[in-house]
Amino acid sequence: MSILYIAEFPGLASTDQSDSVPAVPVPPTVEQTVAIGSASVASAAFQPSTKWVELSTDVVCSVAFGADPTAAVTNCRLAAGERVLRRVTPGHRVSVIANT
């Protein structure tokens, strides 16, 4: 089974001088997975504190974000093995569909 892995974070990591850096503090607030197939499937809603998500996938897929998203193969494409960090709206979701 192909999986989209989702890790939720309230913010970015910071240095000792309080500067934000493009990394997330671990552990994540919440982790969830969504099965990737030929139809769009949405995640659970992001937590109220979630402002960043890290997505990783083991297959080529496309993702869409929103209050009630439906992913299509024309949406943002992720390569197999890719890991991305995205700023999101709390309460929104990500949907995913298989792509080539």
PDB file of N, CA and C in Angstrom:
ATOM      1  N   MET A   1       0.844  -1.175   0.000  1.00  0.00           N
ATOM      2  CA  MET A   1       0.000   0.000   0.000  1.00  0.00           C
ATOM      3  C   MET A   1       0.889   1.238   0.000  1.00  0.00           C
ATOM      4  N   SER A   2       0.557   2.213  -0.813  1.00  0.00           N
ATOM      5  CA  SER A   2       1.289   3.474  -0.885  1.00  0.00           C
ATOM      6  C   SER A   2       0.719   4.444   0.139  1.00  0.00           C
ATOM      7  N   ILE A   3       1.608   5.204   0.767  1.00  0.00           N
ATOM      8  CA  ILE A   3       1.222   6.045   1.899  1.00  0.00           C
ATOM      9  C   ILE A   3       1.754   7.472   1.757  1.00  0.00           C
ATOM     10  N   LEU A   4       0.930   8.454   2.143  1.00  0.00           N
ATOM     11  CA  LEU A   4       1.374   9.827   2.353  1.00  0.00           C
ATOM     12  C   LEU A   4       1.513   9.996   3.857  1.00  0.00           C
ATOM     13  N   TYR A   5       2.706  10.346   4.305  1.00  0.00           N
ATOM     14  CA  TYR A   5       2.975  10.550   5.728  1.00  0.00           C
ATOM     15  C   TYR A   5       2.882  12.040   6.026  1.00  0.00           C
ATOM     16  N   ILE A   6       2.151  12.394   7.076  1.00  0.00           N
ATOM     17  CA  ILE A   6       1.905  13.792   7.425  1.00  0.00           C
ATOM     18  C   ILE A   6       2.316  14.016   8.875  1.00  0.00           C
ATOM     19  N   ALA A   7       3.206  14.962   9.106  1.00  0.00           N
ATOM     20  CA  ALA A   7       3.612  15.340  10.459  1.00  0.00           C
ATOM     21  C   ALA A   7       3.239  16.808  10.656  1.00  0.00           C
ATOM     22  N   GLU A   8       2.548  17.120  11.749  1.00  0.00           N
ATOM     23  CA  GLU A   8       2.075  18.481  12.011  1.00  0.00           C
ATOM     24  C   GLU A   8       2.940  19.171  13.068  1.00  0.00           C
ATOM     25  N   PHE A   9       3.177  20.464  12.845  1.00  0.00           N
ATOM     26  CA  PHE A   9       4.022  21.241  13.747  1.00  0.00           C
ATOM     27  C   PHE A   9       3.408  22.618  14.000  1.00  0.00           C
ATOM     28  N   PRO A  10       3.564  23.158  15.220  1.00  0.00           N
ATOM     29  CA  PRO A  10       3.021  24.487  15.525  1.00  0.00           C
ATOM     30  C   PRO A  10       3.885  25.626  14.995  1.00  0.00           C
ATOM     31  N   GLY A  11       5.141  25.363  14.708  1.00  0.00           N
ATOM     32  CA  GLY A  11       6.028  26.417  14.227  1.00  0.00           C
ATOM     33  C   GLY A  11       7.343  25.832  13.774  1.00  0.00           C
ATOM     34  N   LEU A  12       8.239  26.717  13.361  1.00  0.00           N
ATOM     35  CA  LEU A  12       9.575  26.304  12.946  1.00  0.00           C
ATOM     36  C   LEU A  12      10.497  26.281  14.152  1.00  0.00           C
ATOM     37  N   ALA A  13      11.624  25.633  13.993  1.00  0.00           N
ATOM     38  CA  ALA A  13      12.635  25.629  15.041  1.00  0.00           C
ATOM     39  C   ALA A  13      13.252  27.019  15.133  1.00  0.00           C
ATOM     40  N   SER A  14      13.923  27.295  16.223  1.00  0.00           N
ATOM     41  CA  SER A  14      14.590  28.589  16.365  1.00  0.00           C
ATOM     42  C   SER A  14      15.987  28.386  16.927  1.00  0.00           C
ATOM     43  N   THR A  15      16.835  29.376  16.672  1.00  0.00           N
ATOM     44  CA  THR A  15      18.197  29.349  17.185  1.00  0.00           C
ATOM     45  C   THR A  15      18.205  29.908  18.598  1.00  0.00           C
ATOM     46  N   ASP A  16      19.369  29.913  19.219  1.00  0.00           N
ATOM     47  CA  ASP A  16      19.493  30.499  20.561  1.00  0.00           C
ATOM     48  C   ASP A  16      19.205  31.997  20.553  1.00  0.00           C
ATOM     49  N   GLN A  17      19.304  32.629  19.375  1.00  0.00           N
ATOM     50  CA  GLN A  17      19.017  34.058  19.237  1.00  0.00           C
ATOM     51  C   GLN A  17      17.572  34.302  18.811  1.00  0.00           C
ATOM     52  N   SER A  18      16.731  33.271  18.848  1.00  0.00           N
ATOM     53  CA  SER A  18      15.299  33.342  18.506  1.00  0.00           C
ATOM     54  C   SER A  18      15.030  33.553  17.021  1.00  0.00           C
ATOM     55  N   ASP A  19      16.011  33.316  16.173  1.00  0.00           N
ATOM     56  CA  ASP A  19      15.791  33.401  14.730  1.00  0.00           C
ATOM     57  C   ASP A  19      15.124  32.113  14.258  1.00  0.00           C
ATOM     58  N   SER A  20      14.098  32.227  13.416  1.00  0.00           N
ATOM     59  CA  SER A  20      13.477  31.038  12.832  1.00  0.00           C
ATOM     60  C   SER A  20      14.416  30.433  11.807  1.00  0.00           C
ATOM     61  N   VAL A  21      14.432  29.125  11.752  1.00  0.00           N
ATOM     62  CA  VAL A  21      15.235  28.420  10.763  1.00  0.00           C
ATOM     63  C   VAL A  21      14.325  27.453  10.015  1.00  0.00           C
ATOM     64  N   PRO A  22      14.651  27.124   8.752  1.00  0.00           N
ATOM     65  CA  PRO A  22      13.781  26.244   7.959  1.00  0.00           C
ATOM     66  C   PRO A  22      13.884  24.781   8.386  1.00  0.00           C
ATOM     67  N   ALA A  23      13.557  24.533   9.615  1.00  0.00           N
ATOM     68  CA  ALA A  23      13.535  23.176  10.160  1.00  0.00           C
ATOM     69  C   ALA A  23      12.405  23.137  11.181  1.00  0.00           C
ATOM     70  N   VAL A  24      11.882  21.963  11.411  1.00  0.00           N
ATOM     71  CA  VAL A  24      10.788  21.821  12.372  1.00  0.00           C
ATOM     72  C   VAL A  24      11.300  21.199  13.656  1.00  0.00           C
ATOM     73  N   PRO A  25      10.753  21.622  14.785  1.00  0.00           N
ATOM     74  CA  PRO A  25      11.158  21.008  16.049  1.00  0.00           C
ATOM     75  C   PRO A  25      10.505  19.635  16.174  1.00  0.00           C
ATOM     76  N   VAL A  26      11.217  18.683  16.714  1.00  0.00           N
ATOM     77  CA  VAL A  26      10.643  17.347  16.911  1.00  0.00           C
ATOM     78  C   VAL A  26      10.443  17.094  18.394  1.00  0.00           C
ATOM     79  N   PRO A  27       9.503  16.297  18.757  1.00  0.00           N
ATOM     80  CA  PRO A  27       8.621  15.513  17.909  1.00  0.00           C
ATOM     81  C   PRO A  27       7.476  16.363  17.360  1.00  0.00           C
ATOM     82  N   PRO A  28       6.817  15.870  16.304  1.00  0.00           N
ATOM     83  CA  PRO A  28       5.652  16.590  15.776  1.00  0.00           C
ATOM     84  C   PRO A  28       4.503  16.541  16.769  1.00  0.00           C
ATOM     85  N   THR A  29       3.577  17.487  16.635  1.00  0.00           N
ATOM     86  CA  THR A  29       2.387  17.511  17.474  1.00  0.00           C
ATOM     87  C   THR A  29       1.507  16.312  17.189  1.00  0.00           C
ATOM     88  N   VAL A  30       1.322  16.015  15.906  1.00  0.00           N
ATOM     89  CA  VAL A  30       0.481  14.910  15.452  1.00  0.00           C
ATOM     90  C   VAL A  30       1.127  14.297  14.224  1.00  0.00           C
ATOM     91  N   GLU A  31       0.981  12.996  14.072  1.00  0.00           N
ATOM     92  CA  GLU A  31       1.383  12.315  12.847  1.00  0.00           C
ATOM     93  C   GLU A  31       0.192  11.508  12.351  1.00  0.00           C
ATOM     94  N   GLN A  32      -0.011  11.525  11.046  1.00  0.00           N
ATOM     95  CA  GLN A  32      -1.088  10.734  10.453  1.00  0.00           C
ATOM     96  C   GLN A  32      -0.631  10.229   9.092  1.00  0.00           C
ATOM     97  N   THR A  33      -1.350   9.255   8.578  1.00  0.00           N
ATOM     98  CA  THR A  33      -1.059   8.714   7.257  1.00  0.00           C
ATOM     99  C   THR A  33      -2.347   8.651   6.452  1.00  0.00           C
ATOM    100  N   VAL A  34      -2.186   8.743   5.131  1.00  0.00           N
ATOM    101  CA  VAL A  34      -3.313   8.619   4.220  1.00  0.00           C
ATOM    102  C   VAL A  34      -2.889   7.661   3.112  1.00  0.00           C
ATOM    103  N   ALA A  35      -3.731   6.685   2.812  1.00  0.00           N
ATOM    104  CA  ALA A  35      -3.449   5.751   1.723  1.00  0.00           C
ATOM    105  C   ALA A  35      -3.579   6.473   0.388  1.00  0.00           C
ATOM    106  N   ILE A  36      -2.639   6.200  -0.512  1.00  0.00           N
ATOM    107  CA  ILE A  36      -2.628   6.825  -1.832  1.00  0.00           C
ATOM    108  C   ILE A  36      -3.179   5.839  -2.852  1.00  0.00           C
ATOM    109  N   GLY A  37      -4.179   6.285  -3.619  1.00  0.00           N
ATOM    110  CA  GLY A  37      -4.772   5.430  -4.639  1.00  0.00           C
ATOM    111  C   GLY A  37      -5.248   6.234  -5.828  1.00  0.00           C
ATOM    112  N   SER A  38      -6.107   5.633  -6.629  1.00  0.00           N
ATOM    113  CA  SER A  38      -6.577   6.269  -7.861  1.00  0.00           C
ATOM    114  C   SER A  38      -7.682   7.295  -7.628  1.00  0.00           C
ATOM    115  N   ALA A  39      -8.197   7.376  -6.415  1.00  0.00           N
ATOM    116  CA  ALA A  39      -9.203   8.385  -6.058  1.00  0.00           C
ATOM    117  C   ALA A  39      -8.632   9.296  -4.976  1.00  0.00           C
ATOM    118  N   SER A  40      -9.065  10.544  -4.967  1.00  0.00           N
ATOM    119  CA  SER A  40      -8.611  11.506  -3.968  1.00  0.00           C
ATOM    120  C   SER A  40      -9.088  11.097  -2.574  1.00  0.00           C
ATOM    121  N   VAL A  41      -8.170  11.144  -1.609  1.00  0.00           N
ATOM    122  CA  VAL A  41      -8.492  10.845  -0.212  1.00  0.00           C
ATOM    123  C   VAL A  41      -7.912  11.966   0.644  1.00  0.00           C
ATOM    124  N   ALA A  42      -8.709  12.481   1.580  1.00  0.00           N
ATOM    125  CA  ALA A  42      -8.279  13.598   2.427  1.00  0.00           C
ATOM    126  C   ALA A  42      -7.845  13.110   3.802  1.00  0.00           C
ATOM    127  N   SER A  43      -6.938  13.851   4.393  1.00  0.00           N
ATOM    128  CA  SER A  43      -6.474  13.592   5.755  1.00  0.00           C
ATOM    129  C   SER A  43      -7.527  14.052   6.748  1.00  0.00           C
ATOM    130  N   ALA A  44      -7.258  13.795   8.010  1.00  0.00           N
ATOM    131  CA  ALA A  44      -8.049  14.405   9.079  1.00  0.00           C
ATOM    132  C   ALA A  44      -7.696  15.893   9.117  1.00  0.00           C
ATOM    133  N   ALA A  45      -8.551  16.689   9.702  1.00  0.00           N
ATOM    134  CA  ALA A  45      -8.284  18.130   9.813  1.00  0.00           C
ATOM    135  C   ALA A  45      -7.031  18.362  10.653  1.00  0.00           C
ATOM    136  N   PHE A  46      -6.241  19.359  10.252  1.00  0.00           N
ATOM    137  CA  PHE A  46      -5.055  19.715  11.021  1.00  0.00           C
ATOM    138  C   PHE A  46      -5.478  20.268  12.380  1.00  0.00           C
ATOM    139  N   GLN A  47      -4.641  20.067  13.377  1.00  0.00           N
ATOM    140  CA  GLN A  47      -4.902  20.535  14.730  1.00  0.00           C
ATOM    141  C   GLN A  47      -4.993  22.072  14.759  1.00  0.00           C
ATOM    142  N   PRO A  48      -5.698  22.643  15.745  1.00  0.00           N
ATOM    143  CA  PRO A  48      -5.806  24.109  15.843  1.00  0.00           C
ATOM    144  C   PRO A  48      -4.454  24.813  15.975  1.00  0.00           C
ATOM    145  N   SER A  49      -3.449  24.120  16.498  1.00  0.00           N
ATOM    146  CA  SER A  49      -2.122  24.731  16.662  1.00  0.00           C
ATOM    147  C   SER A  49      -1.203  24.512  15.465  1.00  0.00           C
ATOM    148  N   THR A  50      -1.626  23.719  14.488  1.00  0.00           N
ATOM    149  CA  THR A  50      -0.761  23.374  13.353  1.00  0.00           C
ATOM    150  C   THR A  50      -0.648  24.528  12.363  1.00  0.00           C
ATOM    151  N   LYS A  51       0.611  24.916  12.088  1.00  0.00           N
ATOM    152  CA  LYS A  51       0.890  25.938  11.090  1.00  0.00           C
ATOM    153  C   LYS A  51       1.799  25.411   9.991  1.00  0.00           C
ATOM    154  N   TRP A  52       2.459  24.279  10.243  1.00  0.00           N
ATOM    155  CA  TRP A  52       3.376  23.676   9.284  1.00  0.00           C
ATOM    156  C   TRP A  52       3.130  22.177   9.230  1.00  0.00           C
ATOM    157  N   VAL A  53       3.224  21.601   8.032  1.00  0.00           N
ATOM    158  CA  VAL A  53       3.187  20.153   7.897  1.00  0.00           C
ATOM    159  C   VAL A  53       4.383  19.707   7.064  1.00  0.00           C
ATOM    160  N   GLU A  54       4.895  18.549   7.411  1.00  0.00           N
ATOM    161  CA  GLU A  54       5.915  17.901   6.606  1.00  0.00           C
ATOM    162  C   GLU A  54       5.243  16.706   5.951  1.00  0.00           C
ATOM    163  N   LEU A  55       5.324  16.646   4.632  1.00  0.00           N
ATOM    164  CA  LEU A  55       4.747  15.540   3.881  1.00  0.00           C
ATOM    165  C   LEU A  55       5.873  14.692   3.319  1.00  0.00           C
ATOM    166  N   SER A  56       5.690  13.389   3.359  1.00  0.00           N
ATOM    167  CA  SER A  56       6.619  12.494   2.675  1.00  0.00           C
ATOM    168  C   SER A  56       5.804  11.371   2.058  1.00  0.00           C
ATOM    169  N   THR A  57       6.295  10.877   0.937  1.00  0.00           N
ATOM    170  CA  THR A  57       5.558   9.875   0.182  1.00  0.00           C
ATOM    171  C   THR A  57       6.496   8.812  -0.356  1.00  0.00           C
ATOM    172  N   ASP A  58       5.979   7.596  -0.479  1.00  0.00           N
ATOM    173  CA  ASP A  58       6.798   6.526  -1.030  1.00  0.00           C
ATOM    174  C   ASP A  58       6.504   6.262  -2.506  1.00  0.00           C
ATOM    175  N   VAL A  59       5.566   7.018  -3.100  1.00  0.00           N
ATOM    176  CA  VAL A  59       5.242   6.904  -4.527  1.00  0.00           C
ATOM    177  C   VAL A  59       4.975   8.292  -5.096  1.00  0.00           C
ATOM    178  N   VAL A  60       4.940   8.393  -6.424  1.00  0.00           N
ATOM    179  CA  VAL A  60       4.580   9.653  -7.078  1.00  0.00           C
ATOM    180  C   VAL A  60       3.099   9.924  -6.803  1.00  0.00           C
ATOM    181  N   CYS A  61       2.794  11.164  -6.381  1.00  0.00           N
ATOM    182  CA  CYS A  61       1.405  11.522  -6.089  1.00  0.00           C
ATOM    183  C   CYS A  61       1.219  13.024  -6.277  1.00  0.00           C
ATOM    184  N   SER A  62      -0.020  13.471  -6.191  1.00  0.00           N
ATOM    185  CA  SER A  62      -0.347  14.893  -6.223  1.00  0.00           C
ATOM    186  C   SER A  62      -1.146  15.210  -4.972  1.00  0.00           C
ATOM    187  N   VAL A  63      -0.955  16.433  -4.437  1.00  0.00           N
ATOM    188  CA  VAL A  63      -1.641  16.843  -3.218  1.00  0.00           C
ATOM    189  C   VAL A  63      -2.327  18.187  -3.412  1.00  0.00           C
ATOM    190  N   ALA A  64      -3.404  18.385  -2.658  1.00  0.00           N
ATOM    191  CA  ALA A  64      -4.118  19.661  -2.643  1.00  0.00           C
ATOM    192  C   ALA A  64      -4.473  19.973  -1.190  1.00  0.00           C
ATOM    193  N   PHE A  65      -4.488  21.246  -0.851  1.00  0.00           N
ATOM    194  CA  PHE A  65      -4.795  21.691   0.508  1.00  0.00           C
ATOM    195  C   PHE A  65      -6.064  22.524   0.516  1.00  0.00           C
ATOM    196  N   GLY A  66      -6.778  22.535   1.641  1.00  0.00           N
ATOM    197  CA  GLY A  66      -7.954  23.383   1.777  1.00  0.00           C
ATOM    198  C   GLY A  66      -8.885  22.868   2.854  1.00  0.00           C
ATOM    199  N   ALA A  67     -10.029  23.544   2.987  1.00  0.00           N
ATOM    200  CA  ALA A  67     -11.026  23.147   3.978  1.00  0.00           C
ATOM    201  C   ALA A  67     -11.658  21.811   3.616  1.00  0.00           C
ATOM    202  N   ASP A  68     -11.871  21.579   2.326  1.00  0.00           N
ATOM    203  CA  ASP A  68     -12.446  20.320   1.837  1.00  0.00           C
ATOM    204  C   ASP A  68     -11.805  20.012   0.481  1.00  0.00           C
ATOM    205  N   PRO A  69     -10.497  19.692   0.468  1.00  0.00           N
ATOM    206  CA  PRO A  69      -9.774  19.572  -0.792  1.00  0.00           C
ATOM    207  C   PRO A  69     -10.045  18.266  -1.536  1.00  0.00           C
ATOM    208  N   THR A  70      -9.964  18.336  -2.847  1.00  0.00           N
ATOM    209  CA  THR A  70     -10.008  17.154  -3.701  1.00  0.00           C
ATOM    210  C   THR A  70      -8.776  17.215  -4.596  1.00  0.00           C
ATOM    211  N   ALA A  71      -7.868  16.288  -4.400  1.00  0.00           N
ATOM    212  CA  ALA A  71      -6.636  16.269  -5.197  1.00  0.00           C
ATOM    213  C   ALA A  71      -6.921  15.764  -6.605  1.00  0.00           C
ATOM    214  N   ALA A  72      -6.205  16.328  -7.560  1.00  0.00           N
ATOM    215  CA  ALA A  72      -6.253  15.893  -8.960  1.00  0.00           C
ATOM    216  C   ALA A  72      -4.815  15.759  -9.439  1.00  0.00           C
ATOM    217  N   VAL A  73      -4.598  15.014 -10.494  1.00  0.00           N
ATOM    218  CA  VAL A  73      -3.239  14.821 -10.997  1.00  0.00           C
ATOM    219  C   VAL A  73      -2.622  16.112 -11.506  1.00  0.00           C
ATOM    220  N   THR A  74      -3.405  17.157 -11.658  1.00  0.00           N
ATOM    221  CA  THR A  74      -2.888  18.459 -12.086  1.00  0.00           C
ATOM    222  C   THR A  74      -2.420  19.311 -10.909  1.00  0.00           C
ATOM    223  N   ASN A  75      -2.649  18.846  -9.676  1.00  0.00           N
ATOM    224  CA  ASN A  75      -2.195  19.574  -8.482  1.00  0.00           C
ATOM    225  C   ASN A  75      -0.711  19.332  -8.237  1.00  0.00           C
ATOM    226  N   CYS A  76      -0.203  19.949  -7.193  1.00  0.00           N
ATOM    227  CA  CYS A  76       1.210  19.847  -6.811  1.00  0.00           C
ATOM    228  C   CYS A  76       1.669  18.392  -6.793  1.00  0.00           C
ATOM    229  N   ARG A  77       2.690  18.086  -7.585  1.00  0.00           N
ATOM    230  CA  ARG A  77       3.186  16.709  -7.724  1.00  0.00           C
ATOM    231  C   ARG A  77       4.377  16.490  -6.807  1.00  0.00           C
ATOM    232  N   LEU A  78       4.363  15.366  -6.107  1.00  0.00           N
ATOM    233  CA  LEU A  78       5.490  14.960  -5.273  1.00  0.00           C
ATOM    234  C   LEU A  78       6.109  13.704  -5.870  1.00  0.00           C
ATOM    235  N   ALA A  79       7.418  13.654  -5.903  1.00  0.00           N
ATOM    236  CA  ALA A  79       8.125  12.482  -6.401  1.00  0.00           C
ATOM    237  C   ALA A  79       8.212  11.422  -5.306  1.00  0.00           C
ATOM    238  N   ALA A  80       8.374  10.181  -5.703  1.00  0.00           N
ATOM    239  CA  ALA A  80       8.565   9.102  -4.737  1.00  0.00           C
ATOM    240  C   ALA A  80       9.793   9.412  -3.887  1.00  0.00           C
ATOM    241  N   GLY A  81       9.656   9.272  -2.592  1.00  0.00           N
ATOM    242  CA  GLY A  81      10.762   9.541  -1.678  1.00  0.00           C
ATOM    243  C   GLY A  81      10.939  11.009  -1.325  1.00  0.00           C
ATOM    244  N   GLU A  82      10.106  11.877  -1.883  1.00  0.00           N
ATOM    245  CA  GLU A  82      10.238  13.315  -1.615  1.00  0.00           C
ATOM    246  C   GLU A  82       9.694  13.660  -0.234  1.00  0.00           C
ATOM    247  N   ARG A  83      10.308  14.680   0.375  1.00  0.00           N
ATOM    248  CA  ARG A  83       9.859  15.193   1.678  1.00  0.00           C
ATOM    249  C   ARG A  83       9.782  16.708   1.545  1.00  0.00           C
ATOM    250  N   VAL A  84       8.605  17.297   1.850  1.00  0.00           N
ATOM    251  CA  VAL A  84       8.419  18.740   1.713  1.00  0.00           C
ATOM    252  C   VAL A  84       7.806  19.317   2.989  1.00  0.00           C
ATOM    253  N   LEU A  85       8.081  20.573   3.211  1.00  0.00           N
ATOM    254  CA  LEU A  85       7.538  21.318   4.344  1.00  0.00           C
ATOM    255  C   LEU A  85       6.628  22.395   3.789  1.00  0.00           C
ATOM    256  N   ARG A  86       5.400  22.489   4.288  1.00  0.00           N
ATOM    257  CA  ARG A  86       4.427  23.465   3.788  1.00  0.00           C
ATOM    258  C   ARG A  86       3.759  24.202   4.941  1.00  0.00           C
ATOM    259  N   ARG A  87       3.549  25.504   4.758  1.00  0.00           N
ATOM    260  CA  ARG A  87       2.780  26.317   5.701  1.00  0.00           C
ATOM    261  C   ARG A  87       1.313  26.054   5.399  1.00  0.00           C
ATOM    262  N   VAL A  88       0.501  25.798   6.445  1.00  0.00           N
ATOM    263  CA  VAL A  88      -0.905  25.455   6.251  1.00  0.00           C
ATOM    264  C   VAL A  88      -1.795  26.262   7.191  1.00  0.00           C
ATOM    265  N   THR A  89      -3.088  26.161   6.959  1.00  0.00           N
ATOM    266  CA  THR A  89      -4.087  26.807   7.802  1.00  0.00           C
ATOM    267  C   THR A  89      -4.626  25.787   8.799  1.00  0.00           C
ATOM    268  N   PRO A  90      -4.623  26.103  10.091  1.00  0.00           N
ATOM    269  CA  PRO A  90      -5.186  25.175  11.069  1.00  0.00           C
ATOM    270  C   PRO A  90      -6.619  24.801  10.689  1.00  0.00           C
ATOM    271  N   GLY A  91      -6.980  23.542  10.889  1.00  0.00           N
ATOM    272  CA  GLY A  91      -8.325  23.073  10.564  1.00  0.00           C
ATOM    273  C   GLY A  91      -8.501  22.624   9.122  1.00  0.00           C
ATOM    274  N   HIS A  92      -7.584  23.014   8.241  1.00  0.00           N
ATOM    275  CA  HIS A  92      -7.646  22.552   6.849  1.00  0.00           C
ATOM    276  C   HIS A  92      -7.127  21.123   6.770  1.00  0.00           C
ATOM    277  N   ARG A  93      -7.161  20.549   5.579  1.00  0.00           N
ATOM    278  CA  ARG A  93      -6.713  19.183   5.355  1.00  0.00           C
ATOM    279  C   ARG A  93      -5.880  19.123   4.086  1.00  0.00           C
ATOM    280  N   VAL A  94      -5.229  18.000   3.876  1.00  0.00           N
ATOM    281  CA  VAL A  94      -4.517  17.740   2.626  1.00  0.00           C
ATOM    282  C   VAL A  94      -5.150  16.499   2.006  1.00  0.00           C
ATOM    283  N   SER A  95      -5.346  16.535   0.705  1.00  0.00           N
ATOM    284  CA  SER A  95      -5.838  15.351   0.012  1.00  0.00           C
ATOM    285  C   SER A  95      -4.760  14.888  -0.965  1.00  0.00           C
ATOM    286  N   VAL A  96      -4.832  13.609  -1.309  1.00  0.00           N
ATOM    287  CA  VAL A  96      -3.776  13.024  -2.127  1.00  0.00           C
ATOM    288  C   VAL A  96      -4.385  12.064  -3.143  1.00  0.00           C
ATOM    289  N   ILE A  97      -3.734  11.955  -4.298  1.00  0.00           N
ATOM    290  CA  ILE A  97      -4.131  11.022  -5.343  1.00  0.00           C
ATOM    291  C   ILE A  97      -2.859  10.517  -6.032  1.00  0.00           C
ATOM    292  N   ALA A  98      -2.880   9.283  -6.497  1.00  0.00           N
ATOM    293  CA  ALA A  98      -1.744   8.726  -7.217  1.00  0.00           C
ATOM    294  C   ALA A  98      -1.514   9.487  -8.519  1.00  0.00           C
ATOM    295  N   ASN A  99      -0.252   9.589  -8.920  1.00  0.00           N
ATOM    296  CA  ASN A  99       0.127  10.254 -10.160  1.00  0.00           C
ATOM    297  C   ASN A  99       1.244   9.439 -10.806  1.00  0.00           C
ATOM    298  N   THR A 100       1.685   9.870 -11.979  1.00  0.00           N
ATOM    299  CA  THR A 100       2.783   9.167 -12.656  1.00  0.00           C
ATOM    300  C   THR A 100       3.929  10.123 -12.921  1.00  0.00           C
TER     301      THR A 100
END
